[in-house]
Amino acid sequence: MAFYSAFRRVLNGSSSVITSPFVSARFSSTLTAPKLFISGLNRNTTDEKLREAFAPFGQLVEAKVIMDRATQRSKGFAFVTYASIEEAEKAREGMNAKFLDGWVIFVDPAKPKEYRPPPQPNSQQSSEFGFKTNKTIGCICDMSNGDKGDERAFVNFALEEVI
């Protein structure tokens, strides 16, 4: 019963339960941009459902659920952008630790993308799929002269470039 009441206080926004400095930092950091990071999304949440949930807090510029390129399924997080920082702050306070499509979501300030240096070239080249390629190809060639029988040889070819 104590767990239930503590959990209810967290969901209602009461800070009396928050004792960890990490958790309190999550609730106390101020917004510097009108873009919010939404985590804990249900995999079935769409851009439209996200827009409907966050529209009451102000003028939405964008509401985007991030999708996996390969499977076209949600990755479980999204970004919401408002016209002003004040609207974003209201949305953060109103939607943090609330239910959306049956899952508890968390609303945090979006962080700018970190710079990633380009990958360093290796001695072996990679194909477009990221696999290392061998520059030697082998094949079995028929070396018979018509009716002389079954003569086969294994031949290696060295390539100049990756296929």
N, C-alpha and C. Protein backbone atom coordinates (compact mmCIF):
# COMPACT_ATOMS: atom_id res chain seq x y z
N MET A 1 0.82 -1.19 0.00
CA MET A 1 0.00 0.00 0.00
C MET A 1 0.86 1.26 0.00
N ALA A 2 1.98 1.20 0.72
CA ALA A 2 2.87 2.36 0.76
C ALA A 2 3.47 2.62 -0.61
N PHE A 3 3.79 1.53 -1.33
CA PHE A 3 4.34 1.69 -2.68
C PHE A 3 3.33 2.36 -3.59
N TYR A 4 2.07 1.94 -3.48
CA TYR A 4 1.02 2.50 -4.33
C TYR A 4 0.87 4.00 -4.09
N SER A 5 0.85 4.41 -2.82
CA SER A 5 0.68 5.84 -2.53
C SER A 5 1.90 6.64 -2.97
N ALA A 6 3.10 6.08 -2.84
CA ALA A 6 4.31 6.77 -3.31
C ALA A 6 4.28 6.90 -4.82
N PHE A 7 3.87 5.83 -5.49
CA PHE A 7 3.79 5.85 -6.95
C PHE A 7 2.75 6.88 -7.41
N ARG A 8 1.62 6.96 -6.71
CA ARG A 8 0.57 7.91 -7.04
C ARG A 8 1.08 9.34 -6.86
N ARG A 9 1.86 9.59 -5.81
CA ARG A 9 2.41 10.93 -5.58
C ARG A 9 3.38 11.33 -6.69
N VAL A 10 4.17 10.38 -7.17
CA VAL A 10 5.09 10.68 -8.27
C VAL A 10 4.31 11.02 -9.52
N LEU A 11 3.27 10.24 -9.82
CA LEU A 11 2.47 10.50 -11.02
C LEU A 11 1.71 11.81 -10.92
N ASN A 12 1.30 12.20 -9.73
CA ASN A 12 0.58 13.45 -9.57
C ASN A 12 1.51 14.66 -9.51
N GLY A 13 2.81 14.43 -9.47
CA GLY A 13 3.76 15.54 -9.50
C GLY A 13 4.21 16.00 -8.14
N SER A 14 3.85 15.31 -7.08
CA SER A 14 4.29 15.70 -5.74
C SER A 14 5.77 15.41 -5.61
N SER A 15 6.54 16.37 -5.12
CA SER A 15 7.99 16.19 -5.03
C SER A 15 8.43 15.66 -3.67
N SER A 16 7.48 15.31 -2.79
CA SER A 16 7.86 14.84 -1.46
C SER A 16 8.52 13.47 -1.51
N VAL A 17 8.27 12.70 -2.56
CA VAL A 17 8.85 11.37 -2.68
C VAL A 17 10.25 11.44 -3.27
N ILE A 18 10.54 12.47 -4.04
CA ILE A 18 11.79 12.56 -4.78
C ILE A 18 12.94 12.83 -3.79
N THR A 19 13.85 11.86 -3.70
CA THR A 19 14.98 12.03 -2.80
C THR A 19 16.31 11.96 -3.54
N SER A 20 16.34 11.33 -4.68
CA SER A 20 17.57 11.20 -5.44
C SER A 20 17.92 12.52 -6.14
N PRO A 21 19.20 12.92 -6.12
CA PRO A 21 19.58 14.15 -6.82
C PRO A 21 19.37 14.04 -8.32
N PHE A 22 19.45 12.81 -8.86
CA PHE A 22 19.26 12.63 -10.30
C PHE A 22 17.80 12.85 -10.68
N VAL A 23 16.89 12.32 -9.87
CA VAL A 23 15.47 12.47 -10.15
C VAL A 23 15.06 13.92 -9.98
N SER A 24 15.54 14.58 -8.92
CA SER A 24 15.16 15.97 -8.70
C SER A 24 15.73 16.87 -9.79
N ALA A 25 16.90 16.55 -10.32
CA ALA A 25 17.47 17.33 -11.42
C ALA A 25 16.61 17.19 -12.67
N ARG A 26 16.02 16.03 -12.84
CA ARG A 26 15.16 15.80 -14.00
C ARG A 26 13.95 16.73 -13.97
N PHE A 27 13.39 16.96 -12.78
CA PHE A 27 12.21 17.80 -12.66
C PHE A 27 12.53 19.28 -12.56
N SER A 28 13.77 19.64 -12.21
CA SER A 28 14.07 21.04 -11.95
C SER A 28 14.84 21.74 -13.06
N SER A 29 15.34 21.02 -14.06
CA SER A 29 16.11 21.69 -15.11
C SER A 29 15.19 22.58 -15.94
N THR A 30 15.69 23.75 -16.31
CA THR A 30 14.89 24.70 -17.05
C THR A 30 15.09 24.52 -18.54
N LEU A 31 14.09 24.91 -19.28
CA LEU A 31 14.15 24.80 -20.73
C LEU A 31 14.90 25.97 -21.33
N THR A 32 15.72 25.68 -22.32
CA THR A 32 16.41 26.74 -23.06
C THR A 32 15.95 26.79 -24.51
N ALA A 33 15.16 25.79 -24.91
CA ALA A 33 14.61 25.74 -26.26
C ALA A 33 13.20 25.17 -26.19
N PRO A 34 12.36 25.43 -27.18
CA PRO A 34 10.97 24.95 -27.12
C PRO A 34 10.80 23.50 -27.58
N LYS A 35 11.88 22.75 -27.64
CA LYS A 35 11.80 21.36 -28.10
C LYS A 35 11.89 20.42 -26.91
N LEU A 36 10.98 19.41 -26.88
CA LEU A 36 10.92 18.45 -25.78
C LEU A 36 11.20 17.04 -26.28
N PHE A 37 11.82 16.24 -25.42
CA PHE A 37 12.11 14.83 -25.69
C PHE A 37 11.10 14.01 -24.90
N ILE A 38 10.35 13.15 -25.56
CA ILE A 38 9.33 12.33 -24.92
C ILE A 38 9.81 10.88 -24.95
N SER A 39 9.97 10.27 -23.77
CA SER A 39 10.41 8.87 -23.71
C SER A 39 9.34 8.01 -23.06
N GLY A 40 9.47 6.70 -23.24
CA GLY A 40 8.52 5.76 -22.65
C GLY A 40 7.26 5.59 -23.47
N LEU A 41 7.30 5.92 -24.76
CA LEU A 41 6.10 5.83 -25.60
C LEU A 41 5.74 4.38 -25.90
N ASN A 42 4.45 4.15 -26.01
CA ASN A 42 3.94 2.88 -26.50
C ASN A 42 4.37 2.75 -27.96
N ARG A 43 4.69 1.55 -28.39
CA ARG A 43 5.14 1.34 -29.78
C ARG A 43 4.05 1.63 -30.80
N ASN A 44 2.79 1.70 -30.35
CA ASN A 44 1.67 1.98 -31.26
C ASN A 44 1.30 3.46 -31.31
N THR A 45 1.99 4.30 -30.56
CA THR A 45 1.68 5.73 -30.57
C THR A 45 2.12 6.33 -31.90
N THR A 46 1.22 7.10 -32.51
CA THR A 46 1.50 7.72 -33.81
C THR A 46 1.74 9.22 -33.63
N ASP A 47 2.17 9.87 -34.71
CA ASP A 47 2.36 11.32 -34.70
C ASP A 47 1.05 12.03 -34.34
N GLU A 48 -0.06 11.52 -34.87
CA GLU A 48 -1.36 12.15 -34.63
C GLU A 48 -1.77 12.05 -33.16
N LYS A 49 -1.58 10.86 -32.55
CA LYS A 49 -1.92 10.69 -31.13
C LYS A 49 -1.04 11.58 -30.26
N LEU A 50 0.22 11.70 -30.61
CA LEU A 50 1.15 12.55 -29.87
C LEU A 50 0.71 14.01 -29.99
N ARG A 51 0.35 14.42 -31.18
CA ARG A 51 -0.12 15.80 -31.41
C ARG A 51 -1.39 16.08 -30.61
N GLU A 52 -2.33 15.14 -30.59
CA GLU A 52 -3.57 15.31 -29.82
C GLU A 52 -3.29 15.48 -28.33
N ALA A 53 -2.34 14.70 -27.81
CA ALA A 53 -2.03 14.74 -26.38
C ALA A 53 -1.34 16.04 -25.97
N PHE A 54 -0.50 16.60 -26.85
CA PHE A 54 0.29 17.78 -26.49
C PHE A 54 -0.30 19.09 -27.01
N ALA A 55 -1.32 19.04 -27.85
CA ALA A 55 -1.92 20.26 -28.41
C ALA A 55 -2.56 21.18 -27.37
N PRO A 56 -3.17 20.68 -26.30
CA PRO A 56 -3.82 21.60 -25.35
C PRO A 56 -2.86 22.57 -24.64
N PHE A 57 -1.57 22.35 -24.71
CA PHE A 57 -0.62 23.17 -23.97
C PHE A 57 -0.08 24.35 -24.77
N GLY A 58 -0.42 24.43 -26.05
CA GLY A 58 0.07 25.56 -26.85
C GLY A 58 0.14 25.21 -28.32
N GLN A 59 0.71 26.13 -29.09
CA GLN A 59 0.82 25.97 -30.54
C GLN A 59 1.97 25.02 -30.87
N LEU A 60 1.63 23.85 -31.41
CA LEU A 60 2.65 22.87 -31.79
C LEU A 60 3.23 23.20 -33.15
N VAL A 61 4.54 23.19 -33.23
CA VAL A 61 5.22 23.35 -34.51
C VAL A 61 5.43 21.98 -35.14
N GLU A 62 5.82 21.00 -34.29
CA GLU A 62 6.08 19.65 -34.78
C GLU A 62 5.87 18.64 -33.66
N ALA A 63 5.33 17.48 -34.02
CA ALA A 63 5.21 16.35 -33.10
C ALA A 63 5.62 15.11 -33.90
N LYS A 64 6.78 14.54 -33.58
CA LYS A 64 7.36 13.48 -34.41
C LYS A 64 7.77 12.28 -33.58
N VAL A 65 7.14 11.12 -33.84
CA VAL A 65 7.54 9.86 -33.23
C VAL A 65 8.69 9.32 -34.07
N ILE A 66 9.78 8.93 -33.42
CA ILE A 66 10.96 8.43 -34.14
C ILE A 66 10.76 6.96 -34.48
N MET A 67 10.93 6.65 -35.76
CA MET A 67 10.68 5.30 -36.26
C MET A 67 11.99 4.61 -36.64
N ASP A 68 12.01 3.29 -36.48
CA ASP A 68 13.14 2.47 -36.91
C ASP A 68 13.10 2.37 -38.43
N ARG A 69 14.22 2.63 -39.09
CA ARG A 69 14.24 2.60 -40.56
C ARG A 69 13.97 1.21 -41.12
N ALA A 70 14.51 0.19 -40.45
CA ALA A 70 14.39 -1.17 -40.98
C ALA A 70 13.00 -1.75 -40.79
N THR A 71 12.41 -1.58 -39.60
CA THR A 71 11.13 -2.22 -39.29
C THR A 71 9.94 -1.29 -39.43
N GLN A 72 10.17 0.01 -39.55
CA GLN A 72 9.12 1.03 -39.62
C GLN A 72 8.22 1.01 -38.38
N ARG A 73 8.79 0.58 -37.24
CA ARG A 73 8.08 0.61 -35.95
C ARG A 73 8.67 1.73 -35.10
N SER A 74 7.87 2.20 -34.16
CA SER A 74 8.33 3.25 -33.26
C SER A 74 9.49 2.76 -32.41
N LYS A 75 10.44 3.65 -32.14
CA LYS A 75 11.55 3.33 -31.26
C LYS A 75 11.21 3.60 -29.80
N GLY A 76 10.02 4.14 -29.54
CA GLY A 76 9.58 4.38 -28.17
C GLY A 76 9.89 5.77 -27.64
N PHE A 77 10.32 6.67 -28.52
CA PHE A 77 10.53 8.06 -28.09
C PHE A 77 10.14 9.01 -29.22
N ALA A 78 10.00 10.28 -28.85
CA ALA A 78 9.55 11.28 -29.82
C ALA A 78 10.08 12.65 -29.44
N PHE A 79 9.88 13.61 -30.35
CA PHE A 79 10.21 15.00 -30.10
C PHE A 79 8.98 15.85 -30.39
N VAL A 80 8.75 16.83 -29.52
CA VAL A 80 7.65 17.77 -29.69
C VAL A 80 8.24 19.17 -29.64
N THR A 81 7.88 20.01 -30.60
CA THR A 81 8.39 21.38 -30.64
C THR A 81 7.21 22.35 -30.57
N TYR A 82 7.32 23.33 -29.68
CA TYR A 82 6.30 24.37 -29.52
C TYR A 82 6.79 25.69 -30.10
N ALA A 83 5.86 26.63 -30.23
CA ALA A 83 6.20 27.94 -30.75
C ALA A 83 6.99 28.77 -29.74
N SER A 84 6.81 28.52 -28.44
CA SER A 84 7.54 29.28 -27.42
C SER A 84 8.01 28.37 -26.29
N ILE A 85 8.99 28.85 -25.55
CA ILE A 85 9.53 28.10 -24.41
C ILE A 85 8.49 27.98 -23.31
N GLU A 86 7.66 29.00 -23.12
CA GLU A 86 6.63 28.98 -22.08
C GLU A 86 5.62 27.86 -22.33
N GLU A 87 5.21 27.70 -23.59
CA GLU A 87 4.27 26.62 -23.94
C GLU A 87 4.92 25.26 -23.71
N ALA A 88 6.18 25.15 -24.06
CA ALA A 88 6.89 23.88 -23.85
C ALA A 88 6.99 23.57 -22.36
N GLU A 89 7.22 24.57 -21.54
CA GLU A 89 7.30 24.36 -20.09
C GLU A 89 5.95 23.90 -19.53
N LYS A 90 4.87 24.50 -20.01
CA LYS A 90 3.53 24.07 -19.58
C LYS A 90 3.28 22.62 -19.97
N ALA A 91 3.67 22.24 -21.18
CA ALA A 91 3.48 20.87 -21.64
C ALA A 91 4.32 19.90 -20.83
N ARG A 92 5.52 20.30 -20.51
CA ARG A 92 6.40 19.45 -19.71
C ARG A 92 5.80 19.20 -18.33
N GLU A 93 5.30 20.25 -17.70
CA GLU A 93 4.69 20.10 -16.38
C GLU A 93 3.39 19.30 -16.45
N GLY A 94 2.63 19.50 -17.52
CA GLY A 94 1.33 18.85 -17.64
C GLY A 94 1.38 17.41 -18.09
N MET A 95 2.41 17.00 -18.82
CA MET A 95 2.45 15.65 -19.39
C MET A 95 3.51 14.74 -18.78
N ASN A 96 4.44 15.26 -18.01
CA ASN A 96 5.49 14.42 -17.44
C ASN A 96 4.89 13.40 -16.47
N ALA A 97 5.28 12.14 -16.62
CA ALA A 97 4.82 11.02 -15.78
C ALA A 97 3.32 10.80 -15.89
N LYS A 98 2.75 11.08 -17.06
CA LYS A 98 1.33 10.82 -17.32
C LYS A 98 1.20 9.64 -18.28
N PHE A 99 -0.01 9.11 -18.36
CA PHE A 99 -0.27 7.98 -19.25
C PHE A 99 -0.63 8.46 -20.64
N LEU A 100 -0.05 7.81 -21.65
CA LEU A 100 -0.39 8.03 -23.05
C LEU A 100 -0.42 6.67 -23.71
N ASP A 101 -1.56 6.30 -24.25
CA ASP A 101 -1.76 4.97 -24.86
C ASP A 101 -1.42 3.84 -23.89
N GLY A 102 -1.71 4.04 -22.61
CA GLY A 102 -1.52 2.99 -21.62
C GLY A 102 -0.12 2.90 -21.03
N TRP A 103 0.80 3.75 -21.45
CA TRP A 103 2.17 3.72 -20.94
C TRP A 103 2.48 5.06 -20.28
N VAL A 104 3.30 5.03 -19.23
CA VAL A 104 3.74 6.26 -18.58
C VAL A 104 4.85 6.88 -19.42
N ILE A 105 4.67 8.15 -19.78
CA ILE A 105 5.68 8.85 -20.58
C ILE A 105 6.44 9.84 -19.71
N PHE A 106 7.63 10.18 -20.13
CA PHE A 106 8.47 11.16 -19.44
C PHE A 106 8.84 12.25 -20.42
N VAL A 107 8.72 13.48 -19.98
CA VAL A 107 8.97 14.65 -20.83
C VAL A 107 10.17 15.40 -20.29
N ASP A 108 11.19 15.54 -21.11
CA ASP A 108 12.44 16.21 -20.73
C ASP A 108 12.83 17.21 -21.80
N PRO A 109 13.68 18.17 -21.46
CA PRO A 109 14.19 19.08 -22.50
C PRO A 109 15.01 18.29 -23.52
N ALA A 110 14.84 18.60 -24.78
CA ALA A 110 15.62 17.95 -25.83
C ALA A 110 17.04 18.49 -25.80
N LYS A 111 18.00 17.61 -25.98
CA LYS A 111 19.40 18.02 -26.03
C LYS A 111 19.82 18.12 -27.49
N PRO A 112 20.72 19.05 -27.82
CA PRO A 112 21.20 19.13 -29.21
C PRO A 112 21.98 17.87 -29.58
N LYS A 113 21.93 17.53 -30.86
CA LYS A 113 22.66 16.36 -31.34
C LYS A 113 24.15 16.55 -31.11
N GLU A 114 24.79 15.52 -30.60
CA GLU A 114 26.24 15.58 -30.38
C GLU A 114 26.96 15.31 -31.69
N TYR A 115 28.07 16.00 -31.86
CA TYR A 115 28.89 15.80 -33.06
C TYR A 115 29.54 14.43 -33.00
N ARG A 116 29.44 13.69 -34.08
CA ARG A 116 30.12 12.40 -34.20
C ARG A 116 31.13 12.51 -35.33
N PRO A 117 32.40 12.25 -35.05
CA PRO A 117 33.38 12.32 -36.14
C PRO A 117 33.10 11.22 -37.16
N PRO A 118 33.45 11.47 -38.42
CA PRO A 118 33.24 10.43 -39.43
C PRO A 118 34.10 9.22 -39.12
N PRO A 119 33.64 8.03 -39.51
CA PRO A 119 34.41 6.82 -39.22
C PRO A 119 35.77 6.85 -39.90
N GLN A 120 36.77 6.32 -39.21
CA GLN A 120 38.13 6.27 -39.75
C GLN A 120 38.23 5.14 -40.77
N PRO A 121 38.89 5.39 -41.90
CA PRO A 121 39.03 4.33 -42.90
C PRO A 121 39.97 3.23 -42.38
N ASN A 122 39.57 2.01 -42.62
CA ASN A 122 40.38 0.85 -42.23
C ASN A 122 41.20 0.38 -43.41
N SER A 123 42.07 -0.57 -43.14
CA SER A 123 42.86 -1.11 -44.24
C SER A 123 41.97 -1.89 -45.19
N GLN A 124 40.91 -2.51 -44.65
CA GLN A 124 39.94 -3.19 -45.52
C GLN A 124 38.77 -2.24 -45.74
N GLN A 125 38.22 -2.27 -46.91
CA GLN A 125 37.08 -1.42 -47.20
C GLN A 125 35.79 -2.11 -46.76
N SER A 126 34.77 -1.31 -46.49
CA SER A 126 33.47 -1.84 -46.11
C SER A 126 32.50 -1.63 -47.26
N SER A 127 31.56 -2.54 -47.39
CA SER A 127 30.52 -2.38 -48.39
C SER A 127 29.46 -1.45 -47.85
N GLU A 128 28.44 -1.17 -48.65
CA GLU A 128 27.39 -0.26 -48.21
C GLU A 128 26.61 -0.82 -47.03
N PHE A 129 26.70 -2.12 -46.75
CA PHE A 129 25.99 -2.73 -45.64
C PHE A 129 26.87 -2.87 -44.41
N GLY A 130 28.12 -2.41 -44.46
CA GLY A 130 29.01 -2.44 -43.31
C GLY A 130 29.79 -3.73 -43.17
N PHE A 131 29.73 -4.63 -44.14
CA PHE A 131 30.48 -5.87 -44.06
C PHE A 131 31.87 -5.66 -44.64
N LYS A 132 32.86 -6.32 -44.04
CA LYS A 132 34.20 -6.30 -44.61
C LYS A 132 34.20 -7.19 -45.84
N THR A 133 34.89 -6.74 -46.87
CA THR A 133 34.90 -7.52 -48.10
C THR A 133 36.29 -8.04 -48.39
N ASN A 134 36.33 -9.22 -48.95
CA ASN A 134 37.58 -9.84 -49.36
C ASN A 134 37.77 -9.52 -50.83
N LYS A 135 38.98 -9.14 -51.20
CA LYS A 135 39.23 -8.74 -52.58
C LYS A 135 39.63 -9.91 -53.48
N THR A 136 39.53 -11.13 -52.95
CA THR A 136 39.86 -12.30 -53.76
C THR A 136 38.59 -13.11 -53.98
N ILE A 137 38.32 -13.45 -55.24
CA ILE A 137 37.15 -14.24 -55.57
C ILE A 137 37.63 -15.55 -56.16
N GLY A 138 37.04 -16.62 -55.72
CA GLY A 138 37.38 -17.94 -56.27
C GLY A 138 36.23 -18.50 -57.05
N CYS A 139 36.53 -19.30 -58.06
CA CYS A 139 35.45 -19.96 -58.80
C CYS A 139 35.97 -21.28 -59.35
N ILE A 140 35.05 -22.17 -59.63
CA ILE A 140 35.40 -23.45 -60.25
C ILE A 140 35.11 -23.29 -61.73
N CYS A 141 36.14 -23.51 -62.54
CA CYS A 141 36.00 -23.33 -63.98
C CYS A 141 36.11 -24.68 -64.68
N ASP A 142 35.31 -24.85 -65.72
CA ASP A 142 35.35 -26.07 -66.52
C ASP A 142 36.50 -25.92 -67.51
N MET A 143 37.52 -26.79 -67.38
CA MET A 143 38.72 -26.70 -68.21
C MET A 143 38.74 -27.78 -69.29
N SER A 144 37.62 -28.44 -69.51
CA SER A 144 37.61 -29.55 -70.47
C SER A 144 37.55 -29.02 -71.91
N ASN A 145 38.08 -29.80 -72.81
CA ASN A 145 38.06 -29.45 -74.24
C ASN A 145 37.02 -30.30 -74.94
N GLY A 146 35.80 -30.12 -74.56
CA GLY A 146 34.72 -30.85 -75.24
C GLY A 146 34.56 -32.26 -74.71
N ASP A 147 35.19 -33.27 -75.39
CA ASP A 147 34.95 -34.67 -75.06
C ASP A 147 36.05 -35.29 -74.22
N LYS A 148 37.00 -34.54 -73.67
CA LYS A 148 38.12 -35.11 -72.93
C LYS A 148 37.77 -35.52 -71.51
N GLY A 149 36.58 -35.24 -71.04
CA GLY A 149 36.22 -35.66 -69.69
C GLY A 149 35.99 -34.48 -68.77
N ASP A 150 36.04 -34.81 -67.50
CA ASP A 150 35.69 -33.82 -66.47
C ASP A 150 36.96 -33.23 -65.87
N GLU A 151 37.40 -32.12 -66.39
CA GLU A 151 38.57 -31.44 -65.84
C GLU A 151 38.10 -30.10 -65.28
N ARG A 152 38.28 -29.91 -63.96
CA ARG A 152 37.88 -28.67 -63.31
C ARG A 152 39.06 -28.11 -62.54
N ALA A 153 39.09 -26.82 -62.40
CA ALA A 153 40.16 -26.17 -61.65
C ALA A 153 39.55 -25.04 -60.80
N PHE A 154 40.15 -24.82 -59.66
CA PHE A 154 39.74 -23.71 -58.81
C PHE A 154 40.68 -22.55 -59.10
N VAL A 155 40.11 -21.39 -59.47
CA VAL A 155 40.91 -20.25 -59.88
C VAL A 155 40.58 -19.06 -58.97
N ASN A 156 41.60 -18.37 -58.51
CA ASN A 156 41.43 -17.16 -57.72
C ASN A 156 41.67 -15.94 -58.59
N PHE A 157 40.81 -14.96 -58.44
CA PHE A 157 40.96 -13.69 -59.15
C PHE A 157 41.15 -12.59 -58.11
N ALA A 158 42.17 -11.78 -58.26
CA ALA A 158 42.37 -10.63 -57.37
C ALA A 158 41.69 -9.42 -57.99
N LEU A 159 40.82 -8.77 -57.24
CA LEU A 159 40.10 -7.62 -57.76
C LEU A 159 40.78 -6.33 -57.34
N GLU A 160 40.61 -5.32 -58.14
CA GLU A 160 41.17 -4.02 -57.85
C GLU A 160 40.25 -3.19 -56.94
N GLU A 161 38.94 -3.46 -56.96
CA GLU A 161 38.01 -2.69 -56.15
C GLU A 161 36.98 -3.59 -55.49
N VAL A 162 36.30 -3.05 -54.52
CA VAL A 162 35.29 -3.80 -53.80
C VAL A 162 34.00 -3.83 -54.60
N ILE A 163 33.38 -4.99 -54.61
CA ILE A 163 32.13 -5.13 -55.37
C ILE A 163 31.00 -4.65 -54.49
